[in-house]
Amino acid sequence: MDESPAPVSDRDMERVILELLAQRAEAATICPSEAARAVAGDDWRDQMDAARAAAQRLVAAGVVDITQRGVVVDLATARGPIRIRRRPADAGPG
């Protein structure tokens, strides 16, 4: 019997992103694919949109930044690979 994997909740994906960042140095980044892999294993590609959406919600909450080549970018206009990092404590709202 071929069963579809259980859907990942928005909160679960956000939690995984924050947990992965907590395991890294303060200025370190993660790729959304790391969060997708953490929640979906071999089916991680199916979770990439969910990981990017979770990152965007965390940006809106003022918790993380989305970067490309070390520069903060807007996910809505970013093209290509992105990274997620904790927002520096001295940074203002996005």
N, C-alpha and C. Protein backbone atom coordinates (compact mmCIF):
# COMPACT_ATOMS: atom_id res chain seq x y z
N MET A 1 0.84 -1.17 0.00
CA MET A 1 0.00 0.00 0.00
C MET A 1 0.89 1.24 0.00
N ASP A 2 0.64 2.17 -0.91
CA ASP A 2 1.44 3.38 -1.06
C ASP A 2 0.76 4.51 -0.30
N GLU A 3 1.35 4.90 0.82
CA GLU A 3 0.76 5.96 1.64
C GLU A 3 1.52 7.26 1.43
N SER A 4 0.80 8.35 1.33
CA SER A 4 1.42 9.67 1.25
C SER A 4 1.94 10.04 2.63
N PRO A 5 3.07 10.76 2.68
CA PRO A 5 3.56 11.18 3.98
C PRO A 5 2.58 12.16 4.63
N ALA A 6 2.58 12.15 5.94
CA ALA A 6 1.70 13.07 6.67
C ALA A 6 2.12 14.50 6.39
N PRO A 7 1.16 15.40 6.22
CA PRO A 7 1.52 16.79 5.95
C PRO A 7 2.23 17.40 7.16
N VAL A 8 3.13 18.31 6.87
CA VAL A 8 3.89 19.00 7.91
C VAL A 8 3.15 20.29 8.22
N SER A 9 2.92 20.55 9.50
CA SER A 9 2.22 21.78 9.86
C SER A 9 3.16 22.97 9.71
N ASP A 10 2.57 24.14 9.53
CA ASP A 10 3.34 25.38 9.44
C ASP A 10 4.20 25.56 10.68
N ARG A 11 3.61 25.31 11.84
CA ARG A 11 4.34 25.48 13.10
C ARG A 11 5.50 24.50 13.22
N ASP A 12 5.30 23.27 12.75
CA ASP A 12 6.39 22.29 12.79
C ASP A 12 7.56 22.75 11.95
N MET A 13 7.29 23.26 10.75
CA MET A 13 8.36 23.72 9.88
C MET A 13 9.07 24.92 10.50
N GLU A 14 8.32 25.85 11.05
CA GLU A 14 8.94 27.00 11.71
C GLU A 14 9.81 26.54 12.88
N ARG A 15 9.30 25.61 13.66
CA ARG A 15 10.05 25.09 14.82
C ARG A 15 11.36 24.44 14.37
N VAL A 16 11.31 23.67 13.30
CA VAL A 16 12.51 23.00 12.79
C VAL A 16 13.54 24.04 12.32
N ILE A 17 13.10 25.06 11.62
CA ILE A 17 14.02 26.11 11.19
C ILE A 17 14.71 26.73 12.41
N LEU A 18 13.93 27.08 13.41
CA LEU A 18 14.51 27.71 14.60
C LEU A 18 15.43 26.75 15.36
N GLU A 19 15.08 25.48 15.41
CA GLU A 19 15.94 24.49 16.07
C GLU A 19 17.27 24.33 15.34
N LEU A 20 17.21 24.27 14.01
CA LEU A 20 18.44 24.16 13.23
C LEU A 20 19.33 25.38 13.44
N LEU A 21 18.74 26.57 13.44
CA LEU A 21 19.52 27.78 13.66
C LEU A 21 20.11 27.82 15.06
N ALA A 22 19.37 27.32 16.04
CA ALA A 22 19.86 27.31 17.43
C ALA A 22 21.08 26.41 17.60
N GLN A 23 21.24 25.45 16.72
CA GLN A 23 22.38 24.52 16.78
C GLN A 23 23.63 25.11 16.13
N ARG A 24 23.52 26.27 15.54
CA ARG A 24 24.62 26.90 14.81
C ARG A 24 25.11 28.14 15.53
N ALA A 25 26.24 28.63 15.08
CA ALA A 25 26.76 29.90 15.59
C ALA A 25 25.73 30.99 15.32
N GLU A 26 25.79 32.05 16.10
CA GLU A 26 24.78 33.10 16.02
C GLU A 26 24.60 33.68 14.61
N ALA A 27 25.68 33.87 13.88
CA ALA A 27 25.59 34.48 12.55
C ALA A 27 25.48 33.45 11.43
N ALA A 28 25.43 32.17 11.77
CA ALA A 28 25.37 31.11 10.76
C ALA A 28 24.01 31.09 10.06
N THR A 29 24.00 30.48 8.88
CA THR A 29 22.78 30.37 8.10
C THR A 29 22.46 28.91 7.84
N ILE A 30 21.22 28.68 7.43
CA ILE A 30 20.82 27.36 6.96
C ILE A 30 20.15 27.53 5.61
N CYS A 31 20.11 26.46 4.87
CA CYS A 31 19.37 26.42 3.62
C CYS A 31 17.97 25.88 3.93
N PRO A 32 16.94 26.39 3.27
CA PRO A 32 15.60 25.84 3.50
C PRO A 32 15.55 24.32 3.29
N SER A 33 16.41 23.80 2.44
CA SER A 33 16.41 22.36 2.20
C SER A 33 16.79 21.58 3.45
N GLU A 34 17.58 22.17 4.33
CA GLU A 34 17.93 21.49 5.58
C GLU A 34 16.69 21.27 6.44
N ALA A 35 15.82 22.27 6.50
CA ALA A 35 14.57 22.13 7.25
C ALA A 35 13.66 21.12 6.57
N ALA A 36 13.58 21.19 5.25
CA ALA A 36 12.75 20.25 4.50
C ALA A 36 13.22 18.81 4.73
N ARG A 37 14.53 18.60 4.71
CA ARG A 37 15.09 17.26 4.95
C ARG A 37 14.78 16.78 6.37
N ALA A 38 14.85 17.72 7.33
CA ALA A 38 14.63 17.35 8.73
C ALA A 38 13.20 16.85 8.96
N VAL A 39 12.25 17.40 8.22
CA VAL A 39 10.86 17.00 8.44
C VAL A 39 10.39 15.91 7.49
N ALA A 40 11.05 15.75 6.33
CA ALA A 40 10.51 14.84 5.32
C ALA A 40 11.48 13.79 4.83
N GLY A 41 12.71 13.79 5.32
CA GLY A 41 13.65 12.76 4.89
C GLY A 41 13.85 12.75 3.39
N ASP A 42 13.69 11.57 2.78
CA ASP A 42 13.92 11.43 1.34
C ASP A 42 12.92 12.21 0.48
N ASP A 43 11.79 12.55 1.03
CA ASP A 43 10.78 13.31 0.29
C ASP A 43 10.91 14.81 0.52
N TRP A 44 12.10 15.27 0.86
CA TRP A 44 12.33 16.66 1.24
C TRP A 44 11.95 17.65 0.15
N ARG A 45 12.12 17.30 -1.09
CA ARG A 45 11.83 18.25 -2.18
C ARG A 45 10.36 18.69 -2.15
N ASP A 46 9.48 17.79 -1.73
CA ASP A 46 8.06 18.13 -1.63
C ASP A 46 7.78 19.17 -0.56
N GLN A 47 8.74 19.41 0.33
CA GLN A 47 8.55 20.35 1.44
C GLN A 47 9.28 21.68 1.25
N MET A 48 9.91 21.88 0.09
CA MET A 48 10.67 23.11 -0.11
C MET A 48 9.79 24.36 -0.09
N ASP A 49 8.63 24.31 -0.71
CA ASP A 49 7.74 25.48 -0.67
C ASP A 49 7.30 25.76 0.76
N ALA A 50 7.04 24.72 1.53
CA ALA A 50 6.64 24.89 2.93
C ALA A 50 7.78 25.50 3.75
N ALA A 51 9.00 25.08 3.47
CA ALA A 51 10.16 25.62 4.20
C ALA A 51 10.35 27.10 3.88
N ARG A 52 10.24 27.46 2.62
CA ARG A 52 10.39 28.86 2.23
C ARG A 52 9.26 29.71 2.81
N ALA A 53 8.04 29.17 2.81
CA ALA A 53 6.90 29.90 3.39
C ALA A 53 7.08 30.08 4.89
N ALA A 54 7.58 29.06 5.57
CA ALA A 54 7.83 29.16 7.01
C ALA A 54 8.89 30.22 7.28
N ALA A 55 9.93 30.25 6.45
CA ALA A 55 10.96 31.27 6.61
C ALA A 55 10.36 32.67 6.45
N GLN A 56 9.47 32.83 5.48
CA GLN A 56 8.84 34.14 5.27
C GLN A 56 7.98 34.54 6.48
N ARG A 57 7.29 33.59 7.06
CA ARG A 57 6.49 33.91 8.26
C ARG A 57 7.40 34.33 9.41
N LEU A 58 8.54 33.68 9.53
CA LEU A 58 9.49 34.03 10.59
C LEU A 58 10.12 35.40 10.33
N VAL A 59 10.30 35.77 9.06
CA VAL A 59 10.76 37.12 8.73
C VAL A 59 9.71 38.12 9.20
N ALA A 60 8.45 37.85 8.86
CA ALA A 60 7.36 38.76 9.25
C ALA A 60 7.26 38.91 10.76
N ALA A 61 7.62 37.85 11.49
CA ALA A 61 7.59 37.89 12.96
C ALA A 61 8.83 38.57 13.53
N GLY A 62 9.79 38.92 12.67
CA GLY A 62 10.99 39.60 13.13
C GLY A 62 12.04 38.69 13.74
N VAL A 63 11.98 37.40 13.43
CA VAL A 63 12.87 36.42 14.05
C VAL A 63 14.07 36.08 13.19
N VAL A 64 13.88 36.02 11.87
CA VAL A 64 14.96 35.63 10.96
C VAL A 64 15.05 36.62 9.80
N ASP A 65 16.16 36.52 9.07
CA ASP A 65 16.34 37.24 7.81
C ASP A 65 16.56 36.20 6.72
N ILE A 66 16.18 36.55 5.51
CA ILE A 66 16.48 35.74 4.34
C ILE A 66 17.58 36.45 3.58
N THR A 67 18.62 35.71 3.22
CA THR A 67 19.76 36.33 2.56
C THR A 67 20.12 35.61 1.27
N GLN A 68 20.83 36.34 0.42
CA GLN A 68 21.49 35.79 -0.74
C GLN A 68 22.87 36.43 -0.79
N ARG A 69 23.90 35.61 -0.83
CA ARG A 69 25.28 36.08 -0.82
C ARG A 69 25.54 37.04 0.33
N GLY A 70 24.91 36.76 1.48
CA GLY A 70 25.14 37.54 2.69
C GLY A 70 24.35 38.82 2.79
N VAL A 71 23.53 39.13 1.80
CA VAL A 71 22.74 40.35 1.79
C VAL A 71 21.28 40.00 2.06
N VAL A 72 20.64 40.75 2.96
CA VAL A 72 19.22 40.52 3.26
C VAL A 72 18.39 40.84 2.02
N VAL A 73 17.49 39.91 1.68
CA VAL A 73 16.64 40.08 0.50
C VAL A 73 15.18 39.82 0.88
N ASP A 74 14.30 40.27 0.02
CA ASP A 74 12.87 40.00 0.15
C ASP A 74 12.58 38.70 -0.60
N LEU A 75 12.02 37.74 0.09
CA LEU A 75 11.74 36.45 -0.55
C LEU A 75 10.83 36.60 -1.75
N ALA A 76 9.93 37.57 -1.72
CA ALA A 76 8.99 37.75 -2.83
C ALA A 76 9.69 38.09 -4.13
N THR A 77 10.85 38.73 -4.05
CA THR A 77 11.56 39.13 -5.27
C THR A 77 12.87 38.36 -5.47
N ALA A 78 13.26 37.56 -4.49
CA ALA A 78 14.51 36.80 -4.59
C ALA A 78 14.38 35.70 -5.63
N ARG A 79 15.42 35.53 -6.40
CA ARG A 79 15.47 34.45 -7.38
C ARG A 79 16.71 33.62 -7.09
N GLY A 80 16.56 32.31 -7.10
CA GLY A 80 17.69 31.44 -6.85
C GLY A 80 17.78 31.05 -5.38
N PRO A 81 18.92 30.46 -5.03
CA PRO A 81 19.10 29.94 -3.67
C PRO A 81 19.07 31.04 -2.62
N ILE A 82 18.46 30.71 -1.50
CA ILE A 82 18.41 31.63 -0.36
C ILE A 82 18.99 30.93 0.86
N ARG A 83 19.31 31.73 1.86
CA ARG A 83 19.75 31.22 3.15
C ARG A 83 18.88 31.88 4.21
N ILE A 84 18.78 31.23 5.36
CA ILE A 84 18.00 31.75 6.48
C ILE A 84 18.96 31.94 7.66
N ARG A 85 18.88 33.08 8.32
CA ARG A 85 19.71 33.32 9.50
C ARG A 85 18.87 33.99 10.58
N ARG A 86 19.31 33.80 11.82
CA ARG A 86 18.66 34.52 12.91
C ARG A 86 18.88 36.01 12.72
N ARG A 87 17.87 36.80 13.03
CA ARG A 87 18.02 38.23 12.95
C ARG A 87 18.93 38.68 14.08
N PRO A 88 19.94 39.48 13.78
CA PRO A 88 20.82 39.97 14.84
C PRO A 88 20.02 40.72 15.91
N ALA A 89 20.43 40.57 17.15
CA ALA A 89 19.70 41.18 18.26
C ALA A 89 19.62 42.69 18.14
N ASP A 90 20.62 43.32 17.52
CA ASP A 90 20.62 44.78 17.41
C ASP A 90 19.93 45.28 16.15
N ALA A 91 19.37 44.37 15.37
CA ALA A 91 18.66 44.76 14.13
C ALA A 91 17.23 45.18 14.47
N GLY A 92 16.77 46.15 13.76
CA GLY A 92 15.39 46.58 13.94
C GLY A 92 14.45 45.67 13.19
N PRO A 93 13.16 45.99 13.19
CA PRO A 93 12.19 45.19 12.45
C PRO A 93 12.52 45.21 10.96
N GLY A 94 12.18 44.06 10.29
CA GLY A 94 12.46 43.86 8.88
C GLY A 94 12.03 44.95 8.03
